[in-house]
Protein backbone atom coordinates (compact mmCIF):
# COMPACT_ATOMS: atom_id res chain seq x y z
CA MET A 1 -44.91 25.00 27.20
CA ALA A 2 -44.56 21.25 27.53
CA LYS A 3 -44.76 20.89 23.73
CA GLU A 4 -42.31 23.73 22.98
CA LYS A 5 -39.21 21.96 24.29
CA PRO A 6 -39.32 18.99 21.86
CA LYS A 7 -39.83 21.44 18.96
CA ARG A 8 -36.84 23.49 20.12
CA GLU A 9 -34.70 20.36 20.43
CA THR A 10 -35.70 19.35 16.89
CA ALA A 11 -34.76 22.80 15.59
CA THR A 12 -31.42 22.59 17.40
CA ARG A 13 -30.63 19.19 15.86
CA THR A 14 -31.55 20.47 12.39
CA LEU A 15 -29.27 23.48 12.80
CA GLN A 16 -26.46 21.17 13.86
CA ASP A 17 -26.98 19.26 10.60
CA LEU A 18 -26.10 22.58 8.89
CA ASN A 19 -22.71 22.45 10.67
CA LEU A 20 -23.63 24.72 13.58
CA GLY A 21 -22.22 23.70 16.90
CA GLU A 22 -24.66 22.69 19.61
CA ASN A 23 -24.15 25.93 21.57
CA GLU A 24 -24.50 28.01 18.38
CA ALA A 25 -27.76 26.26 17.51
CA VAL A 26 -29.15 26.72 21.02
CA LEU A 27 -28.22 30.42 21.20
CA TYR A 28 -29.53 31.28 17.72
CA THR A 29 -32.83 29.52 18.46
CA GLN A 30 -33.17 31.52 21.69
CA MET A 31 -32.27 34.81 19.97
CA LEU A 32 -35.07 34.35 17.43
CA GLY A 33 -37.43 34.87 20.36
CA TYR A 34 -35.50 38.01 21.42
CA PRO A 35 -34.03 39.33 18.13
CA ARG A 36 -32.28 42.34 19.76
CA SER A 37 -30.28 41.62 22.90
CA THR A 38 -27.22 42.80 24.78
CA VAL A 39 -24.65 40.41 26.18
CA GLN A 40 -26.07 41.02 29.65
CA GLU A 41 -29.55 40.03 28.48
CA LEU A 42 -28.29 37.00 26.59
CA GLY A 43 -26.29 35.92 29.62
CA THR A 44 -29.48 35.53 31.64
CA ARG A 45 -30.94 33.13 29.06
CA ALA A 46 -27.95 31.25 27.65
CA PRO A 47 -27.24 27.83 29.23
CA PHE A 48 -23.49 28.46 29.28
CA PRO A 49 -21.17 31.05 30.98
CA ARG A 50 -20.58 34.55 29.61
CA THR A 51 -16.96 33.77 28.71
CA MET A 52 -18.26 31.18 26.23
CA LEU A 53 -21.09 33.48 25.14
CA TYR A 54 -18.71 35.86 23.34
CA TYR A 55 -17.15 32.98 21.45
CA VAL A 56 -20.52 31.56 20.35
CA LEU A 57 -21.75 35.00 19.27
CA ASN A 58 -18.62 35.49 17.19
CA GLN A 59 -19.22 32.14 15.47
CA LEU A 60 -22.81 33.13 14.65
CA ILE A 61 -21.61 36.48 13.28
CA GLN A 62 -19.14 34.69 10.97
CA ARG A 63 -21.98 32.49 9.70
CA GLY A 64 -24.12 35.57 8.97
CA LEU A 65 -26.85 34.60 11.44
CA VAL A 66 -26.16 37.41 13.93
CA THR A 67 -25.09 41.03 13.48
CA ALA A 68 -23.39 43.19 16.14
CA ARG A 69 -24.50 46.85 16.16
CA LYS A 70 -23.20 49.74 18.25
CA GLU A 71 -25.97 51.74 19.86
CA GLY A 72 -24.36 54.45 21.93
CA TRP A 73 -22.19 52.93 24.60
CA ARG A 74 -23.52 49.43 24.26
CA THR A 75 -23.41 46.66 21.66
CA VAL A 76 -26.65 45.06 20.55
CA TYR A 77 -26.66 41.62 18.94
CA VAL A 78 -29.37 41.16 16.32
CA ALA A 79 -30.57 37.76 15.13
CA GLU A 80 -30.86 37.74 11.34
CA ASP A 81 -33.89 36.43 9.46
CA PRO A 82 -33.97 32.59 9.36
CA GLU A 83 -33.98 32.92 5.56
CA ARG A 84 -30.20 33.20 6.00
CA LEU A 85 -30.23 29.49 6.75
CA TYR A 86 -30.73 28.86 3.04
CA ASP A 87 -27.22 30.20 2.52
CA LEU A 88 -25.89 27.62 4.97
CA LEU A 89 -27.95 24.93 3.26
CA SER A 90 -26.52 25.89 -0.15
CA ARG A 91 -23.02 25.78 1.30
CA LYS A 92 -23.74 22.37 2.78
CA GLU A 93 -25.02 21.12 -0.58
CA ARG A 94 -21.89 22.38 -2.36
CA GLU A 95 -19.71 20.67 0.23
CA PHE A 96 -21.69 17.47 -0.23
CA GLU A 97 -21.22 17.66 -4.01
CA ARG A 98 -17.46 18.12 -3.57
CA GLU A 99 -17.28 15.24 -1.10
CA THR A 100 -19.39 13.06 -3.38
CA GLY A 101 -17.03 13.78 -6.28
CA ALA A 102 -14.01 13.00 -4.13
CA VAL A 103 -15.55 9.72 -2.97
CA ARG A 104 -16.44 8.75 -6.55
CA GLU A 105 -12.82 9.31 -7.55
CA LEU A 106 -11.54 7.42 -4.52
CA ILE A 107 -13.72 4.31 -4.87
CA PRO A 108 -12.03 2.95 -8.05
CA ARG A 109 -8.60 3.32 -6.41
CA LEU A 110 -9.80 1.54 -3.28
CA LYS A 111 -11.41 -1.22 -5.35
CA HIS A 112 -8.13 -1.71 -7.18
CA GLN A 113 -6.30 -1.91 -3.86
CA TYR A 114 -8.92 -4.37 -2.59
CA ARG A 115 -8.48 -6.61 -5.65
CA LEU A 116 -4.70 -6.56 -5.23
CA ALA A 117 -5.08 -7.50 -1.57
CA GLY A 118 -7.06 -10.54 -2.63
CA LYS A 119 -4.17 -11.67 -4.86
CA ARG A 120 -1.26 -10.61 -2.66
CA THR A 121 0.34 -13.16 -0.37
CA ASN A 122 -0.17 -12.37 3.29
CA VAL A 123 2.25 -13.93 5.78
CA ARG A 124 1.98 -13.77 9.56
CA THR A 125 4.20 -15.39 12.16
CA PHE A 126 3.21 -16.64 15.59
CA GLU A 127 5.88 -17.31 18.18
CA GLY A 128 5.25 -18.80 21.58
CA LEU A 129 2.33 -20.65 23.12
CA GLU A 130 -0.03 -17.69 23.40
CA GLU A 131 0.42 -16.73 19.74
CA TYR A 132 0.13 -20.38 18.70
CA GLN A 133 -3.27 -20.55 20.40
CA LYS A 134 -4.41 -17.61 18.25
CA VAL A 135 -3.55 -19.33 15.00
CA LEU A 136 -5.31 -22.52 16.10
CA GLU A 137 -8.33 -20.38 16.92
CA ASP A 138 -8.23 -19.06 13.35
CA ILE A 139 -8.75 -22.60 12.08
CA ILE A 140 -11.88 -22.99 14.19
CA LEU A 141 -13.24 -19.56 13.28
CA SER A 142 -12.69 -20.19 9.56
CA LYS A 143 -15.10 -23.15 9.77
CA PRO A 144 -13.47 -25.11 6.93
CA LYS A 145 -15.37 -28.11 5.60
CA GLU A 146 -12.13 -30.06 5.56
CA ILE A 147 -8.58 -29.72 6.85
CA LEU A 148 -5.64 -31.31 5.07
CA ALA A 149 -2.52 -31.81 7.18
CA TYR A 150 0.96 -33.21 7.09
CA GLU A 151 1.91 -34.09 10.65
CA VAL A 152 4.94 -35.51 12.39
CA LEU A 153 3.43 -38.17 14.62
CA GLY A 154 5.21 -39.61 17.62
CA ALA A 155 7.80 -36.84 17.89
CA LYS A 156 7.99 -34.98 21.18
CA LYS A 157 6.36 -31.63 20.42
CA PRO A 158 5.56 -28.74 22.78
CA ALA A 159 2.08 -27.38 23.45
CA LEU A 160 0.56 -30.88 23.60
CA GLN A 161 -2.35 -29.79 25.81
CA THR A 162 -3.09 -26.81 23.54
CA ARG A 163 -3.19 -29.00 20.43
CA ASP A 164 -5.31 -31.65 22.17
CA ALA A 165 -7.82 -29.00 23.25
CA HIS A 166 -7.92 -27.66 19.68
CA GLU A 167 -8.52 -31.14 18.28
CA ARG A 168 -11.40 -31.71 20.69
CA ARG A 169 -13.02 -28.45 19.55
CA ARG A 170 -12.55 -29.40 15.91
CA ILE A 171 -14.16 -32.80 16.42
CA THR A 172 -17.02 -31.25 18.40
CA ARG A 173 -17.69 -28.96 15.43
CA LYS A 174 -17.56 -31.98 13.07
CA ILE A 175 -14.77 -30.54 10.93
CA GLN A 176 -13.24 -33.30 8.82
CA LYS A 177 -9.45 -33.72 8.82
CA LYS A 178 -7.15 -35.81 6.67
CA VAL A 179 -3.64 -36.42 7.96
CA LEU A 180 -0.63 -37.64 6.00
CA PHE A 181 2.44 -38.78 7.94
CA PHE A 182 5.78 -40.50 7.46
CA GLU A 183 5.50 -44.01 8.84
CA ASP A 184 7.96 -45.16 11.46
CA LYS A 185 7.82 -47.00 14.77
CA ASP A 186 7.15 -43.89 16.87
CA ALA A 187 4.44 -42.63 14.51
CA LEU A 188 2.56 -45.94 14.58
CA GLN A 189 2.91 -46.16 18.35
CA SER A 190 1.39 -42.69 18.65
CA LEU A 191 -1.43 -43.55 16.27
CA ARG A 192 -2.29 -46.77 18.09
CA SER A 193 -2.62 -44.92 21.38
CA ARG A 194 -4.98 -42.36 19.88
CA ARG A 195 -8.73 -42.55 20.47
CA TYR A 196 -10.79 -43.08 17.32
CA ASP A 197 -13.26 -40.46 16.04
CA ASP A 198 -15.40 -40.20 12.91
CA PHE A 199 -13.84 -36.92 11.74
CA THR A 200 -10.15 -37.79 11.37
CA GLN A 201 -8.46 -40.03 8.82
CA PHE A 202 -4.80 -41.04 8.62
CA ARG A 203 -2.71 -42.26 5.71
CA THR A 204 1.00 -42.80 5.30
CA ILE A 205 3.10 -40.96 2.75
CA LYS A 206 4.35 -43.46 0.18
CA GLU A 207 8.01 -44.15 0.77
CA GLY A 208 10.25 -42.37 -1.72
CA SER A 209 7.55 -40.00 -2.99
CA VAL A 210 8.58 -37.10 -0.75
CA THR A 211 11.73 -36.39 1.22
CA PRO A 212 10.80 -36.57 4.94
CA PHE A 213 10.46 -33.28 6.78
CA SER A 214 9.96 -32.42 10.45
CA ILE A 215 7.35 -29.68 10.44
CA ASP A 216 3.55 -29.77 10.43
CA LEU A 217 1.74 -28.26 7.44
CA THR A 218 -1.98 -27.59 7.71
CA LEU A 219 -4.12 -26.55 4.71
CA TYR A 220 -7.50 -24.90 5.26
CA ASP A 221 -9.69 -22.16 3.79
CA GLY A 222 -7.08 -20.93 1.29
CA LYS A 223 -4.37 -20.81 3.98
CA LEU A 224 -1.19 -22.73 4.72
CA LEU A 225 -0.06 -23.08 8.33
CA TYR A 226 3.55 -24.15 8.87
CA THR A 227 4.45 -25.14 12.43
CA SER A 228 7.97 -25.95 13.61
CA TYR A 229 8.99 -27.32 16.97
CA TYR A 230 12.63 -26.35 17.22
CA HIS A 231 12.10 -24.80 20.64
CA GLU A 232 11.73 -27.37 23.38
CA HIS A 233 8.74 -25.70 25.02
CA GLU A 234 7.06 -23.39 22.52
CA PRO A 235 6.14 -23.82 18.83
CA THR A 236 6.69 -21.31 16.03
CA ALA A 237 4.08 -20.97 13.28
CA ALA A 238 3.82 -19.12 9.97
CA LEU A 239 0.40 -18.57 8.39
CA VAL A 240 0.39 -17.93 4.64
CA GLU A 241 -2.76 -16.69 2.90
CA ASP A 242 -2.41 -17.31 -0.81
CA ARG A 243 -5.08 -19.05 -2.87
CA ALA A 244 -2.68 -20.16 -5.64
CA LEU A 245 -0.19 -21.70 -3.20
CA TYR A 246 -3.06 -23.32 -1.34
CA GLU A 247 -4.47 -24.92 -4.52
CA MET A 248 -1.02 -26.18 -5.52
CA GLN A 249 -0.40 -27.76 -2.11
CA LYS A 250 -3.93 -29.15 -2.03
CA ASN A 251 -3.42 -30.88 -5.39
CA LEU A 252 -0.13 -32.37 -4.18
CA PHE A 253 -1.76 -33.52 -0.97
CA GLU A 254 -4.63 -35.22 -2.80
CA MET A 255 -2.18 -37.04 -5.06
CA LEU A 256 -0.21 -38.32 -2.06
CA TRP A 257 -3.45 -39.17 -0.29
CA LYS A 258 -4.49 -41.48 -3.13
CA GLN A 259 -1.10 -43.20 -2.98
CA GLY A 260 -1.04 -43.51 0.80
CA LYS A 261 -1.90 -46.51 2.96
CA ASP A 262 -4.91 -46.07 5.22
CA ARG A 263 -3.87 -46.12 8.88
CA THR A 264 -7.05 -44.70 10.44
CA LEU A 265 -7.76 -47.99 12.22
CA ALA A 266 -4.17 -48.59 13.34
CA PHE A 267 -5.34 -48.64 16.96
CA THR A 268 -6.94 -52.05 16.27
CA GLU A 269 -3.62 -53.58 15.23
CA LYS A 270 -1.62 -55.64 17.68
CA LEU A 271 1.67 -54.23 18.87
């Protein structure tokens, strides 16, 4: 008897693969050992209450695995030959063929949608300190080989501790960063007070080449991150995912980088 239970469990699982419910599979397996039974007799063997027994029997009757026969004043439930399972198997195969056909028709449409998604511009906004932390985390998780950034140095900007913590994580992960900035007294003062590291370079934007602006723009991994600091305490950021825009801005950045004056070692200059 110890070996019979695993076999019965295997049979039950196989029947469930033919779309029988667990209770239907259990009851039909039991009835094969007692092919002719009344509800009273089945109730003594079934692992569920009699109220559920009627429902399960009705399901088995609809599947053609059990037949109800009147014998005098009582109803006898007869388990049909397991050969009937071939009918369920054939039905399952036909369903699988229909589903396979539907999936084959669906895949080209989904692939087209996927290709469009790769070309479509995706824009997300992040308002407030908590959201700003999420977008900074995206930079770290993207693991870019290099970050290109326009930054407003020296200006009073919110979330200083958050940005400092992000920069420390970036440097720890040895992610290179090039920063272009508009040179003025405050920017140089800020740069001179900054601690040197091997993974950050600074250059000025050549005077007259670009009209000064007061937002930060970070380029990484095909994305453009615009950050404004209009609010006194919390930044607002917009993350744009667009490979064409990224390449255009990257080319512009590299051109300005070649024109710029290296200020990476500004901390060594005398005030």
